mmCIF file of all heavy atoms, coordinates in Angstrom:
data_MODEL
# 
_entry.id   MODEL 
# 
loop_
_atom_site.group_PDB 
_atom_site.id 
_atom_site.type_symbol 
_atom_site.label_atom_id 
_atom_site.label_alt_id 
_atom_site.label_comp_id 
_atom_site.label_asym_id 
_atom_site.label_entity_id 
_atom_site.label_seq_id 
_atom_site.pdbx_PDB_ins_code 
_atom_site.Cartn_x 
_atom_site.Cartn_y 
_atom_site.Cartn_z 
_atom_site.occupancy 
_atom_site.B_iso_or_equiv 
_atom_site.pdbx_formal_charge 
_atom_site.auth_seq_id 
_atom_site.auth_comp_id 
_atom_site.auth_asym_id 
_atom_site.auth_atom_id 
_atom_site.pdbx_PDB_model_num 
ATOM 1   N N   . GLY A 1 1  ? 14.727 -2.657  -2.879  1.00 0.00 ? 1  GLY A N   1 
ATOM 2   C CA  . GLY A 1 1  ? 13.402 -2.582  -2.260  1.00 0.00 ? 1  GLY A CA  1 
ATOM 3   C C   . GLY A 1 1  ? 12.221 -2.244  -3.117  1.00 0.00 ? 1  GLY A C   1 
ATOM 4   O O   . GLY A 1 1  ? 11.100 -2.136  -2.653  1.00 0.00 ? 1  GLY A O   1 
ATOM 5   N N   . TRP A 1 2  ? 12.450 -1.954  -4.409  1.00 0.00 ? 2  TRP A N   1 
ATOM 6   C CA  . TRP A 1 2  ? 11.320 -1.567  -5.277  1.00 0.00 ? 2  TRP A CA  1 
ATOM 7   C C   . TRP A 1 2  ? 10.408 -2.772  -5.515  1.00 0.00 ? 2  TRP A C   1 
ATOM 8   O O   . TRP A 1 2  ? 10.886 -3.871  -5.819  1.00 0.00 ? 2  TRP A O   1 
ATOM 9   C CB  . TRP A 1 2  ? 11.814 -1.024  -6.559  1.00 0.00 ? 2  TRP A CB  1 
ATOM 10  C CG  . TRP A 1 2  ? 12.437 0.337   -6.439  1.00 0.00 ? 2  TRP A CG  1 
ATOM 11  C CD1 . TRP A 1 2  ? 13.790 0.610   -6.533  1.00 0.00 ? 2  TRP A CD1 1 
ATOM 12  C CD2 . TRP A 1 2  ? 11.805 1.596   -6.171  1.00 0.00 ? 2  TRP A CD2 1 
ATOM 13  N NE1 . TRP A 1 2  ? 13.943 1.979   -6.321  1.00 0.00 ? 2  TRP A NE1 1 
ATOM 14  C CE2 . TRP A 1 2  ? 12.759 2.614   -6.124  1.00 0.00 ? 2  TRP A CE2 1 
ATOM 15  C CE3 . TRP A 1 2  ? 10.471 1.939   -6.045  1.00 0.00 ? 2  TRP A CE3 1 
ATOM 16  C CZ2 . TRP A 1 2  ? 12.481 3.886   -5.926  1.00 0.00 ? 2  TRP A CZ2 1 
ATOM 17  C CZ3 . TRP A 1 2  ? 10.137 3.286   -5.765  1.00 0.00 ? 2  TRP A CZ3 1 
ATOM 18  C CH2 . TRP A 1 2  ? 11.120 4.204   -5.735  1.00 0.00 ? 2  TRP A CH2 1 
ATOM 19  N N   . THR A 1 3  ? 9.087  -2.556  -5.372  1.00 0.00 ? 3  THR A N   1 
ATOM 20  C CA  . THR A 1 3  ? 8.140  -3.551  -5.686  1.00 0.00 ? 3  THR A CA  1 
ATOM 21  C C   . THR A 1 3  ? 6.924  -2.929  -6.375  1.00 0.00 ? 3  THR A C   1 
ATOM 22  O O   . THR A 1 3  ? 6.682  -1.666  -6.167  1.00 0.00 ? 3  THR A O   1 
ATOM 23  C CB  . THR A 1 3  ? 7.728  -4.309  -4.392  1.00 0.00 ? 3  THR A CB  1 
ATOM 24  O OG1 . THR A 1 3  ? 6.861  -5.415  -4.760  1.00 0.00 ? 3  THR A OG1 1 
ATOM 25  C CG2 . THR A 1 3  ? 6.982  -3.454  -3.390  1.00 0.00 ? 3  THR A CG2 1 
ATOM 26  N N   . TYR A 1 4  ? 6.186  -3.635  -7.094  1.00 0.00 ? 4  TYR A N   1 
ATOM 27  C CA  . TYR A 1 4  ? 5.012  -3.062  -7.745  1.00 0.00 ? 4  TYR A CA  1 
ATOM 28  C C   . TYR A 1 4  ? 3.839  -2.926  -6.768  1.00 0.00 ? 4  TYR A C   1 
ATOM 29  O O   . TYR A 1 4  ? 3.549  -3.837  -5.997  1.00 0.00 ? 4  TYR A O   1 
ATOM 30  C CB  . TYR A 1 4  ? 4.555  -3.951  -8.918  1.00 0.00 ? 4  TYR A CB  1 
ATOM 31  C CG  . TYR A 1 4  ? 5.494  -3.797  -10.118 1.00 0.00 ? 4  TYR A CG  1 
ATOM 32  C CD1 . TYR A 1 4  ? 6.529  -4.793  -10.288 1.00 0.00 ? 4  TYR A CD1 1 
ATOM 33  C CD2 . TYR A 1 4  ? 5.486  -2.761  -10.902 1.00 0.00 ? 4  TYR A CD2 1 
ATOM 34  C CE1 . TYR A 1 4  ? 7.416  -4.649  -11.307 1.00 0.00 ? 4  TYR A CE1 1 
ATOM 35  C CE2 . TYR A 1 4  ? 6.355  -2.612  -11.987 1.00 0.00 ? 4  TYR A CE2 1 
ATOM 36  C CZ  . TYR A 1 4  ? 7.327  -3.586  -12.186 1.00 0.00 ? 4  TYR A CZ  1 
ATOM 37  O OH  . TYR A 1 4  ? 8.237  -3.400  -13.175 1.00 0.00 ? 4  TYR A OH  1 
ATOM 38  N N   . GLY A 1 5  ? 3.241  -1.724  -6.654  1.00 0.00 ? 5  GLY A N   1 
ATOM 39  C CA  . GLY A 1 5  ? 2.199  -1.464  -5.734  1.00 0.00 ? 5  GLY A CA  1 
ATOM 40  C C   . GLY A 1 5  ? 1.045  -2.436  -5.726  1.00 0.00 ? 5  GLY A C   1 
ATOM 41  O O   . GLY A 1 5  ? 0.558  -2.844  -4.688  1.00 0.00 ? 5  GLY A O   1 
ATOM 42  N N   . ASP A 1 6  ? 0.632  -2.788  -6.896  1.00 0.00 ? 6  ASP A N   1 
ATOM 43  C CA  . ASP A 1 6  ? -0.520 -3.740  -7.029  1.00 0.00 ? 6  ASP A CA  1 
ATOM 44  C C   . ASP A 1 6  ? -0.100 -5.096  -6.427  1.00 0.00 ? 6  ASP A C   1 
ATOM 45  O O   . ASP A 1 6  ? -0.956 -5.777  -5.752  1.00 0.00 ? 6  ASP A O   1 
ATOM 46  C CB  . ASP A 1 6  ? -0.986 -3.925  -8.482  1.00 0.00 ? 6  ASP A CB  1 
ATOM 47  C CG  . ASP A 1 6  ? -1.599 -2.644  -8.966  1.00 0.00 ? 6  ASP A CG  1 
ATOM 48  O OD1 . ASP A 1 6  ? -2.049 -1.778  -8.215  1.00 0.00 ? 6  ASP A OD1 1 
ATOM 49  O OD2 . ASP A 1 6  ? -1.725 -2.536  -10.229 1.00 0.00 ? 6  ASP A OD2 1 
ATOM 50  N N   . ASP A 1 7  ? 1.076  -5.572  -6.750  1.00 0.00 ? 7  ASP A N   1 
ATOM 51  C CA  . ASP A 1 7  ? 1.505  -6.869  -6.222  1.00 0.00 ? 7  ASP A CA  1 
ATOM 52  C C   . ASP A 1 7  ? 1.667  -6.767  -4.680  1.00 0.00 ? 7  ASP A C   1 
ATOM 53  O O   . ASP A 1 7  ? 1.247  -7.793  -3.967  1.00 0.00 ? 7  ASP A O   1 
ATOM 54  C CB  . ASP A 1 7  ? 2.876  -7.232  -6.773  1.00 0.00 ? 7  ASP A CB  1 
ATOM 55  C CG  . ASP A 1 7  ? 2.858  -7.488  -8.252  1.00 0.00 ? 7  ASP A CG  1 
ATOM 56  O OD1 . ASP A 1 7  ? 1.812  -7.741  -8.834  1.00 0.00 ? 7  ASP A OD1 1 
ATOM 57  O OD2 . ASP A 1 7  ? 3.915  -7.490  -8.882  1.00 0.00 ? 7  ASP A OD2 1 
ATOM 58  N N   . LEU A 1 8  ? 2.164  -5.709  -4.146  1.00 0.00 ? 8  LEU A N   1 
ATOM 59  C CA  . LEU A 1 8  ? 2.265  -5.586  -2.710  1.00 0.00 ? 8  LEU A CA  1 
ATOM 60  C C   . LEU A 1 8  ? 0.904  -5.532  -1.997  1.00 0.00 ? 8  LEU A C   1 
ATOM 61  O O   . LEU A 1 8  ? 0.732  -6.230  -1.063  1.00 0.00 ? 8  LEU A O   1 
ATOM 62  C CB  . LEU A 1 8  ? 3.066  -4.337  -2.373  1.00 0.00 ? 8  LEU A CB  1 
ATOM 63  C CG  . LEU A 1 8  ? 3.263  -4.040  -0.854  1.00 0.00 ? 8  LEU A CG  1 
ATOM 64  C CD1 . LEU A 1 8  ? 4.049  -5.170  -0.163  1.00 0.00 ? 8  LEU A CD1 1 
ATOM 65  C CD2 . LEU A 1 8  ? 3.877  -2.706  -0.670  1.00 0.00 ? 8  LEU A CD2 1 
ATOM 66  N N   . ALA A 1 9  ? -0.010 -4.776  -2.582  1.00 0.00 ? 9  ALA A N   1 
ATOM 67  C CA  . ALA A 1 9  ? -1.288 -4.707  -2.018  1.00 0.00 ? 9  ALA A CA  1 
ATOM 68  C C   . ALA A 1 9  ? -2.014 -6.099  -2.038  1.00 0.00 ? 9  ALA A C   1 
ATOM 69  O O   . ALA A 1 9  ? -2.546 -6.525  -1.006  1.00 0.00 ? 9  ALA A O   1 
ATOM 70  C CB  . ALA A 1 9  ? -2.277 -3.701  -2.822  1.00 0.00 ? 9  ALA A CB  1 
ATOM 71  N N   . ARG A 1 10 ? -1.864 -6.784  -3.092  1.00 0.00 ? 10 ARG A N   1 
ATOM 72  C CA  . ARG A 1 10 ? -2.442 -8.204  -3.159  1.00 0.00 ? 10 ARG A CA  1 
ATOM 73  C C   . ARG A 1 10 ? -1.837 -9.014  -2.147  1.00 0.00 ? 10 ARG A C   1 
ATOM 74  O O   . ARG A 1 10 ? -2.511 -9.814  -1.493  1.00 0.00 ? 10 ARG A O   1 
ATOM 75  C CB  . ARG A 1 10 ? -2.272 -8.662  -4.629  1.00 0.00 ? 10 ARG A CB  1 
ATOM 76  C CG  . ARG A 1 10 ? -2.990 -9.969  -4.879  1.00 0.00 ? 10 ARG A CG  1 
ATOM 77  C CD  . ARG A 1 10 ? -2.951 -10.462 -6.368  1.00 0.00 ? 10 ARG A CD  1 
ATOM 78  N NE  . ARG A 1 10 ? -1.847 -9.971  -7.195  1.00 0.00 ? 10 ARG A NE  1 
ATOM 79  C CZ  . ARG A 1 10 ? -1.904 -8.876  -8.037  1.00 0.00 ? 10 ARG A CZ  1 
ATOM 80  N NH1 . ARG A 1 10 ? -2.939 -8.113  -8.021  1.00 0.00 ? 10 ARG A NH1 1 
ATOM 81  N NH2 . ARG A 1 10 ? -0.908 -8.544  -8.858  1.00 0.00 ? 10 ARG A NH2 1 
ATOM 82  N N   . SER A 1 11 ? -0.529 -9.064  -1.959  1.00 0.00 ? 11 SER A N   1 
ATOM 83  C CA  . SER A 1 11 ? 0.188  -9.924  -1.051  1.00 0.00 ? 11 SER A CA  1 
ATOM 84  C C   . SER A 1 11 ? -0.207 -9.619  0.375   1.00 0.00 ? 11 SER A C   1 
ATOM 85  O O   . SER A 1 11 ? -0.205 -10.425 1.289   1.00 0.00 ? 11 SER A O   1 
ATOM 86  C CB  . SER A 1 11 ? 1.692  -9.862  -1.226  1.00 0.00 ? 11 SER A CB  1 
ATOM 87  O OG  . SER A 1 11 ? 2.225  -8.618  -0.715  1.00 0.00 ? 11 SER A OG  1 
ATOM 88  N N   . LEU A 1 12 ? -0.577 -8.373  0.623   1.00 0.00 ? 12 LEU A N   1 
ATOM 89  C CA  . LEU A 1 12 ? -1.049 -7.948  1.983   1.00 0.00 ? 12 LEU A CA  1 
ATOM 90  C C   . LEU A 1 12 ? -2.532 -8.003  2.200   1.00 0.00 ? 12 LEU A C   1 
ATOM 91  O O   . LEU A 1 12 ? -3.027 -7.736  3.285   1.00 0.00 ? 12 LEU A O   1 
ATOM 92  C CB  . LEU A 1 12 ? -0.567 -6.495  2.271   1.00 0.00 ? 12 LEU A CB  1 
ATOM 93  C CG  . LEU A 1 12 ? 0.968  -6.236  2.343   1.00 0.00 ? 12 LEU A CG  1 
ATOM 94  C CD1 . LEU A 1 12 ? 1.230  -4.718  2.499   1.00 0.00 ? 12 LEU A CD1 1 
ATOM 95  C CD2 . LEU A 1 12 ? 1.561  -7.006  3.490   1.00 0.00 ? 12 LEU A CD2 1 
ATOM 96  N N   . GLY A 1 13 ? -3.206 -8.517  1.153   1.00 0.00 ? 13 GLY A N   1 
ATOM 97  C CA  . GLY A 1 13 ? -4.656 -8.708  1.247   1.00 0.00 ? 13 GLY A CA  1 
ATOM 98  C C   . GLY A 1 13 ? -5.507 -7.472  1.325   1.00 0.00 ? 13 GLY A C   1 
ATOM 99  O O   . GLY A 1 13 ? -6.488 -7.410  1.998   1.00 0.00 ? 13 GLY A O   1 
ATOM 100 N N   . MET A 1 14 ? -5.035 -6.455  0.616   1.00 0.00 ? 14 MET A N   1 
ATOM 101 C CA  . MET A 1 14 ? -5.791 -5.196  0.609   1.00 0.00 ? 14 MET A CA  1 
ATOM 102 C C   . MET A 1 14 ? -5.829 -4.678  -0.773  1.00 0.00 ? 14 MET A C   1 
ATOM 103 O O   . MET A 1 14 ? -5.154 -5.118  -1.711  1.00 0.00 ? 14 MET A O   1 
ATOM 104 C CB  . MET A 1 14 ? -5.124 -4.129  1.486   1.00 0.00 ? 14 MET A CB  1 
ATOM 105 C CG  . MET A 1 14 ? -3.719 -3.724  1.033   1.00 0.00 ? 14 MET A CG  1 
ATOM 106 S SD  . MET A 1 14 ? -2.967 -2.512  2.151   1.00 0.00 ? 14 MET A SD  1 
ATOM 107 C CE  . MET A 1 14 ? -2.566 -3.453  3.573   1.00 0.00 ? 14 MET A CE  1 
ATOM 108 N N   . SER A 1 15 ? -6.805 -3.726  -1.010  1.00 0.00 ? 15 SER A N   1 
ATOM 109 C CA  . SER A 1 15 ? -6.901 -3.142  -2.339  1.00 0.00 ? 15 SER A CA  1 
ATOM 110 C C   . SER A 1 15 ? -5.816 -2.093  -2.514  1.00 0.00 ? 15 SER A C   1 
ATOM 111 O O   . SER A 1 15 ? -5.266 -1.585  -1.492  1.00 0.00 ? 15 SER A O   1 
ATOM 112 C CB  . SER A 1 15 ? -8.300 -2.442  -2.468  1.00 0.00 ? 15 SER A CB  1 
ATOM 113 O OG  . SER A 1 15 ? -8.338 -1.323  -1.591  1.00 0.00 ? 15 SER A OG  1 
ATOM 114 N N   . PRO A 1 16 ? -5.501 -1.736  -3.761  1.00 0.00 ? 16 PRO A N   1 
ATOM 115 C CA  . PRO A 1 16 ? -4.525 -0.661  -4.004  1.00 0.00 ? 16 PRO A CA  1 
ATOM 116 C C   . PRO A 1 16 ? -4.991 0.669   -3.395  1.00 0.00 ? 16 PRO A C   1 
ATOM 117 O O   . PRO A 1 16 ? -4.140 1.376   -2.869  1.00 0.00 ? 16 PRO A O   1 
ATOM 118 C CB  . PRO A 1 16 ? -4.492 -0.576  -5.527  1.00 0.00 ? 16 PRO A CB  1 
ATOM 119 C CG  . PRO A 1 16 ? -4.860 -1.916  -6.003  1.00 0.00 ? 16 PRO A CG  1 
ATOM 120 C CD  . PRO A 1 16 ? -5.914 -2.395  -5.022  1.00 0.00 ? 16 PRO A CD  1 
ATOM 121 N N   . GLU A 1 17 ? -6.288 0.908   -3.287  1.00 0.00 ? 17 GLU A N   1 
ATOM 122 C CA  . GLU A 1 17 ? -6.742 2.108   -2.734  1.00 0.00 ? 17 GLU A CA  1 
ATOM 123 C C   . GLU A 1 17 ? -6.492 2.091   -1.231  1.00 0.00 ? 17 GLU A C   1 
ATOM 124 O O   . GLU A 1 17 ? -6.094 3.143   -0.639  1.00 0.00 ? 17 GLU A O   1 
ATOM 125 C CB  . GLU A 1 17 ? -8.318 2.323   -3.011  1.00 0.00 ? 17 GLU A CB  1 
ATOM 126 C CG  . GLU A 1 17 ? -8.524 2.577   -4.420  1.00 0.00 ? 17 GLU A CG  1 
ATOM 127 C CD  . GLU A 1 17 ? -8.523 1.253   -5.325  1.00 0.00 ? 17 GLU A CD  1 
ATOM 128 O OE1 . GLU A 1 17 ? -8.623 0.153   -4.775  1.00 0.00 ? 17 GLU A OE1 1 
ATOM 129 O OE2 . GLU A 1 17 ? -8.439 1.429   -6.541  1.00 0.00 ? 17 GLU A OE2 1 
ATOM 130 N N   . THR A 1 18 ? -6.717 1.037   -0.556  1.00 0.00 ? 18 THR A N   1 
ATOM 131 C CA  . THR A 1 18 ? -6.453 0.937   0.892   1.00 0.00 ? 18 THR A CA  1 
ATOM 132 C C   . THR A 1 18 ? -4.924 1.092   1.184   1.00 0.00 ? 18 THR A C   1 
ATOM 133 O O   . THR A 1 18 ? -4.557 1.734   2.115   1.00 0.00 ? 18 THR A O   1 
ATOM 134 C CB  . THR A 1 18 ? -6.925 -0.440  1.432   1.00 0.00 ? 18 THR A CB  1 
ATOM 135 O OG1 . THR A 1 18 ? -8.305 -0.600  1.238   1.00 0.00 ? 18 THR A OG1 1 
ATOM 136 C CG2 . THR A 1 18 ? -6.566 -0.581  2.959   1.00 0.00 ? 18 THR A CG2 1 
ATOM 137 N N   . MET A 1 19 ? -4.126 0.543   0.282   1.00 0.00 ? 19 MET A N   1 
ATOM 138 C CA  . MET A 1 19 ? -2.691 0.692   0.444   1.00 0.00 ? 19 MET A CA  1 
ATOM 139 C C   . MET A 1 19 ? -2.259 2.109   0.365   1.00 0.00 ? 19 MET A C   1 
ATOM 140 O O   . MET A 1 19 ? -1.519 2.652   1.135   1.00 0.00 ? 19 MET A O   1 
ATOM 141 C CB  . MET A 1 19 ? -1.923 -0.132  -0.559  1.00 0.00 ? 19 MET A CB  1 
ATOM 142 C CG  . MET A 1 19 ? -0.479 -0.109  -0.279  1.00 0.00 ? 19 MET A CG  1 
ATOM 143 S SD  . MET A 1 19 ? 0.541  -1.017  -1.511  1.00 0.00 ? 19 MET A SD  1 
ATOM 144 C CE  . MET A 1 19 ? 0.408  0.123   -2.883  1.00 0.00 ? 19 MET A CE  1 
ATOM 145 N N   . LYS A 1 20 ? -2.880 2.846   -0.618  1.00 0.00 ? 20 LYS A N   1 
ATOM 146 C CA  . LYS A 1 20 ? -2.597 4.295   -0.766  1.00 0.00 ? 20 LYS A CA  1 
ATOM 147 C C   . LYS A 1 20 ? -2.945 5.093   0.501   1.00 0.00 ? 20 LYS A C   1 
ATOM 148 O O   . LYS A 1 20 ? -2.269 6.018   0.918   1.00 0.00 ? 20 LYS A O   1 
ATOM 149 C CB  . LYS A 1 20 ? -3.262 4.868   -1.971  1.00 0.00 ? 20 LYS A CB  1 
ATOM 150 C CG  . LYS A 1 20 ? -2.682 4.369   -3.338  1.00 0.00 ? 20 LYS A CG  1 
ATOM 151 C CD  . LYS A 1 20 ? -3.461 4.890   -4.508  1.00 0.00 ? 20 LYS A CD  1 
ATOM 152 C CE  . LYS A 1 20 ? -2.838 4.239   -5.759  1.00 0.00 ? 20 LYS A CE  1 
ATOM 153 N NZ  . LYS A 1 20 ? -3.699 4.615   -6.929  1.00 0.00 ? 20 LYS A NZ  1 
ATOM 154 N N   . VAL A 1 21 ? -4.084 4.703   1.118   1.00 0.00 ? 21 VAL A N   1 
ATOM 155 C CA  . VAL A 1 21 ? -4.514 5.400   2.338   1.00 0.00 ? 21 VAL A CA  1 
ATOM 156 C C   . VAL A 1 21 ? -3.502 5.127   3.466   1.00 0.00 ? 21 VAL A C   1 
ATOM 157 O O   . VAL A 1 21 ? -3.097 5.964   4.214   1.00 0.00 ? 21 VAL A O   1 
ATOM 158 C CB  . VAL A 1 21 ? -5.956 4.957   2.715   1.00 0.00 ? 21 VAL A CB  1 
ATOM 159 C CG1 . VAL A 1 21 ? -6.290 5.385   4.168   1.00 0.00 ? 21 VAL A CG1 1 
ATOM 160 C CG2 . VAL A 1 21 ? -6.960 5.440   1.747   1.00 0.00 ? 21 VAL A CG2 1 
ATOM 161 N N   . GLN A 1 22 ? -3.042 3.891   3.479   1.00 0.00 ? 22 GLN A N   1 
ATOM 162 C CA  . GLN A 1 22 ? -2.024 3.546   4.560   1.00 0.00 ? 22 GLN A CA  1 
ATOM 163 C C   . GLN A 1 22 ? -0.759 4.254   4.371   1.00 0.00 ? 22 GLN A C   1 
ATOM 164 O O   . GLN A 1 22 ? -0.050 4.707   5.266   1.00 0.00 ? 22 GLN A O   1 
ATOM 165 C CB  . GLN A 1 22 ? -1.864 2.031   4.662   1.00 0.00 ? 22 GLN A CB  1 
ATOM 166 C CG  . GLN A 1 22 ? -3.073 1.333   5.255   1.00 0.00 ? 22 GLN A CG  1 
ATOM 167 C CD  . GLN A 1 22 ? -2.839 -0.106  5.629   1.00 0.00 ? 22 GLN A CD  1 
ATOM 168 O OE1 . GLN A 1 22 ? -1.732 -0.619  5.600   1.00 0.00 ? 22 GLN A OE1 1 
ATOM 169 N NE2 . GLN A 1 22 ? -3.906 -0.794  6.012   1.00 0.00 ? 22 GLN A NE2 1 
ATOM 170 N N   . VAL A 1 23 ? -0.302 4.434   3.081   1.00 0.00 ? 23 VAL A N   1 
ATOM 171 C CA  . VAL A 1 23 ? 0.929  5.204   2.794   1.00 0.00 ? 23 VAL A CA  1 
ATOM 172 C C   . VAL A 1 23 ? 0.680  6.653   3.278   1.00 0.00 ? 23 VAL A C   1 
ATOM 173 O O   . VAL A 1 23 ? 1.598  7.226   3.974   1.00 0.00 ? 23 VAL A O   1 
ATOM 174 C CB  . VAL A 1 23 ? 1.272  5.197   1.297   1.00 0.00 ? 23 VAL A CB  1 
ATOM 175 C CG1 . VAL A 1 23 ? 2.300  6.202   0.901   1.00 0.00 ? 23 VAL A CG1 1 
ATOM 176 C CG2 . VAL A 1 23 ? 1.694  3.787   0.882   1.00 0.00 ? 23 VAL A CG2 1 
ATOM 177 N N   . TYR A 1 24 ? -0.449 7.213   3.017   1.00 0.00 ? 24 TYR A N   1 
ATOM 178 C CA  . TYR A 1 24 ? -0.716 8.567   3.455   1.00 0.00 ? 24 TYR A CA  1 
ATOM 179 C C   . TYR A 1 24 ? -0.749 8.636   5.003   1.00 0.00 ? 24 TYR A C   1 
ATOM 180 O O   . TYR A 1 24 ? -0.125 9.610   5.582   1.00 0.00 ? 24 TYR A O   1 
ATOM 181 C CB  . TYR A 1 24 ? -2.159 9.016   2.903   1.00 0.00 ? 24 TYR A CB  1 
ATOM 182 C CG  . TYR A 1 24 ? -2.645 10.267  3.618   1.00 0.00 ? 24 TYR A CG  1 
ATOM 183 C CD1 . TYR A 1 24 ? -2.241 11.504  3.153   1.00 0.00 ? 24 TYR A CD1 1 
ATOM 184 C CD2 . TYR A 1 24 ? -3.555 10.238  4.683   1.00 0.00 ? 24 TYR A CD2 1 
ATOM 185 C CE1 . TYR A 1 24 ? -2.729 12.701  3.765   1.00 0.00 ? 24 TYR A CE1 1 
ATOM 186 C CE2 . TYR A 1 24 ? -4.021 11.400  5.210   1.00 0.00 ? 24 TYR A CE2 1 
ATOM 187 C CZ  . TYR A 1 24 ? -3.567 12.582  4.811   1.00 0.00 ? 24 TYR A CZ  1 
ATOM 188 O OH  . TYR A 1 24 ? -4.053 13.771  5.373   1.00 0.00 ? 24 TYR A OH  1 
ATOM 189 N N   . ARG A 1 25 ? -1.342 7.700   5.649   1.00 0.00 ? 25 ARG A N   1 
ATOM 190 C CA  . ARG A 1 25 ? -1.265 7.730   7.176   1.00 0.00 ? 25 ARG A CA  1 
ATOM 191 C C   . ARG A 1 25 ? 0.089  7.592   7.707   1.00 0.00 ? 25 ARG A C   1 
ATOM 192 O O   . ARG A 1 25 ? 0.416  8.189   8.758   1.00 0.00 ? 25 ARG A O   1 
ATOM 193 C CB  . ARG A 1 25 ? -2.301 6.618   7.617   1.00 0.00 ? 25 ARG A CB  1 
ATOM 194 C CG  . ARG A 1 25 ? -3.731 6.920   7.384   1.00 0.00 ? 25 ARG A CG  1 
ATOM 195 C CD  . ARG A 1 25 ? -4.618 5.826   7.859   1.00 0.00 ? 25 ARG A CD  1 
ATOM 196 N NE  . ARG A 1 25 ? -6.034 6.284   7.621   1.00 0.00 ? 25 ARG A NE  1 
ATOM 197 C CZ  . ARG A 1 25 ? -6.987 5.442   7.589   1.00 0.00 ? 25 ARG A CZ  1 
ATOM 198 N NH1 . ARG A 1 25 ? -6.835 4.124   7.830   1.00 0.00 ? 25 ARG A NH1 1 
ATOM 199 N NH2 . ARG A 1 25 ? -8.249 5.875   7.429   1.00 0.00 ? 25 ARG A NH2 1 
ATOM 200 N N   . ALA A 1 26 ? 0.915  6.746   7.110   1.00 0.00 ? 26 ALA A N   1 
ATOM 201 C CA  . ALA A 1 26 ? 2.271  6.601   7.602   1.00 0.00 ? 26 ALA A CA  1 
ATOM 202 C C   . ALA A 1 26 ? 2.998  7.882   7.456   1.00 0.00 ? 26 ALA A C   1 
ATOM 203 O O   . ALA A 1 26 ? 3.706  8.382   8.402   1.00 0.00 ? 26 ALA A O   1 
ATOM 204 C CB  . ALA A 1 26 ? 3.027  5.500   6.822   1.00 0.00 ? 26 ALA A CB  1 
ATOM 205 N N   . ARG A 1 27 ? 2.923  8.556   6.301   1.00 0.00 ? 27 ARG A N   1 
ATOM 206 C CA  . ARG A 1 27 ? 3.604  9.781   6.112   1.00 0.00 ? 27 ARG A CA  1 
ATOM 207 C C   . ARG A 1 27 ? 3.067  10.876  7.081   1.00 0.00 ? 27 ARG A C   1 
ATOM 208 O O   . ARG A 1 27 ? 3.841  11.643  7.677   1.00 0.00 ? 27 ARG A O   1 
ATOM 209 C CB  . ARG A 1 27 ? 3.383  10.294  4.683   1.00 0.00 ? 27 ARG A CB  1 
ATOM 210 C CG  . ARG A 1 27 ? 4.171  9.454   3.665   1.00 0.00 ? 27 ARG A CG  1 
ATOM 211 C CD  . ARG A 1 27 ? 3.834  9.843   2.278   1.00 0.00 ? 27 ARG A CD  1 
ATOM 212 N NE  . ARG A 1 27 ? 4.637  9.302   1.277   1.00 0.00 ? 27 ARG A NE  1 
ATOM 213 C CZ  . ARG A 1 27 ? 4.416  9.180   -0.013  1.00 0.00 ? 27 ARG A CZ  1 
ATOM 214 N NH1 . ARG A 1 27 ? 3.280  9.718   -0.470  1.00 0.00 ? 27 ARG A NH1 1 
ATOM 215 N NH2 . ARG A 1 27 ? 5.189  8.631   -0.847  1.00 0.00 ? 27 ARG A NH2 1 
ATOM 216 N N   . ARG A 1 28 ? 1.761  10.910  7.245   1.00 0.00 ? 28 ARG A N   1 
ATOM 217 C CA  . ARG A 1 28 ? 1.182  11.875  8.128   1.00 0.00 ? 28 ARG A CA  1 
ATOM 218 C C   . ARG A 1 28 ? 1.632  11.718  9.627   1.00 0.00 ? 28 ARG A C   1 
ATOM 219 O O   . ARG A 1 28 ? 1.863  12.681  10.272  1.00 0.00 ? 28 ARG A O   1 
ATOM 220 C CB  . ARG A 1 28 ? -0.328 11.886  8.033   1.00 0.00 ? 28 ARG A CB  1 
ATOM 221 C CG  . ARG A 1 28 ? -0.962 12.928  8.855   1.00 0.00 ? 28 ARG A CG  1 
ATOM 222 C CD  . ARG A 1 28 ? -2.380 13.017  8.555   1.00 0.00 ? 28 ARG A CD  1 
ATOM 223 N NE  . ARG A 1 28 ? -3.044 13.960  9.541   1.00 0.00 ? 28 ARG A NE  1 
ATOM 224 C CZ  . ARG A 1 28 ? -4.134 14.502  9.420   1.00 0.00 ? 28 ARG A CZ  1 
ATOM 225 N NH1 . ARG A 1 28 ? -4.890 14.257  8.347   1.00 0.00 ? 28 ARG A NH1 1 
ATOM 226 N NH2 . ARG A 1 28 ? -4.661 15.296  10.310  1.00 0.00 ? 28 ARG A NH2 1 
ATOM 227 N N   . GLN A 1 29 ? 1.742  10.484  10.018  1.00 0.00 ? 29 GLN A N   1 
ATOM 228 C CA  . GLN A 1 29 ? 2.156  10.176  11.392  1.00 0.00 ? 29 GLN A CA  1 
ATOM 229 C C   . GLN A 1 29 ? 3.579  10.751  11.660  1.00 0.00 ? 29 GLN A C   1 
ATOM 230 O O   . GLN A 1 29 ? 3.906  11.133  12.763  1.00 0.00 ? 29 GLN A O   1 
ATOM 231 C CB  . GLN A 1 29 ? 2.046  8.778   11.757  1.00 0.00 ? 29 GLN A CB  1 
ATOM 232 C CG  . GLN A 1 29 ? 2.211  8.401   13.194  1.00 0.00 ? 29 GLN A CG  1 
ATOM 233 C CD  . GLN A 1 29 ? 2.166  7.015   13.591  1.00 0.00 ? 29 GLN A CD  1 
ATOM 234 O OE1 . GLN A 1 29 ? 2.240  6.123   12.750  1.00 0.00 ? 29 GLN A OE1 1 
ATOM 235 N NE2 . GLN A 1 29 ? 1.942  6.792   14.872  1.00 0.00 ? 29 GLN A NE2 1 
# 
């Protein structure tokens, strides 16, 4: 399951910063 964060963000159509925020929100929930 390991993937590069920048590649994942790009494939999901978001910035790396937005992806980091979403990671934070998932953990917080």
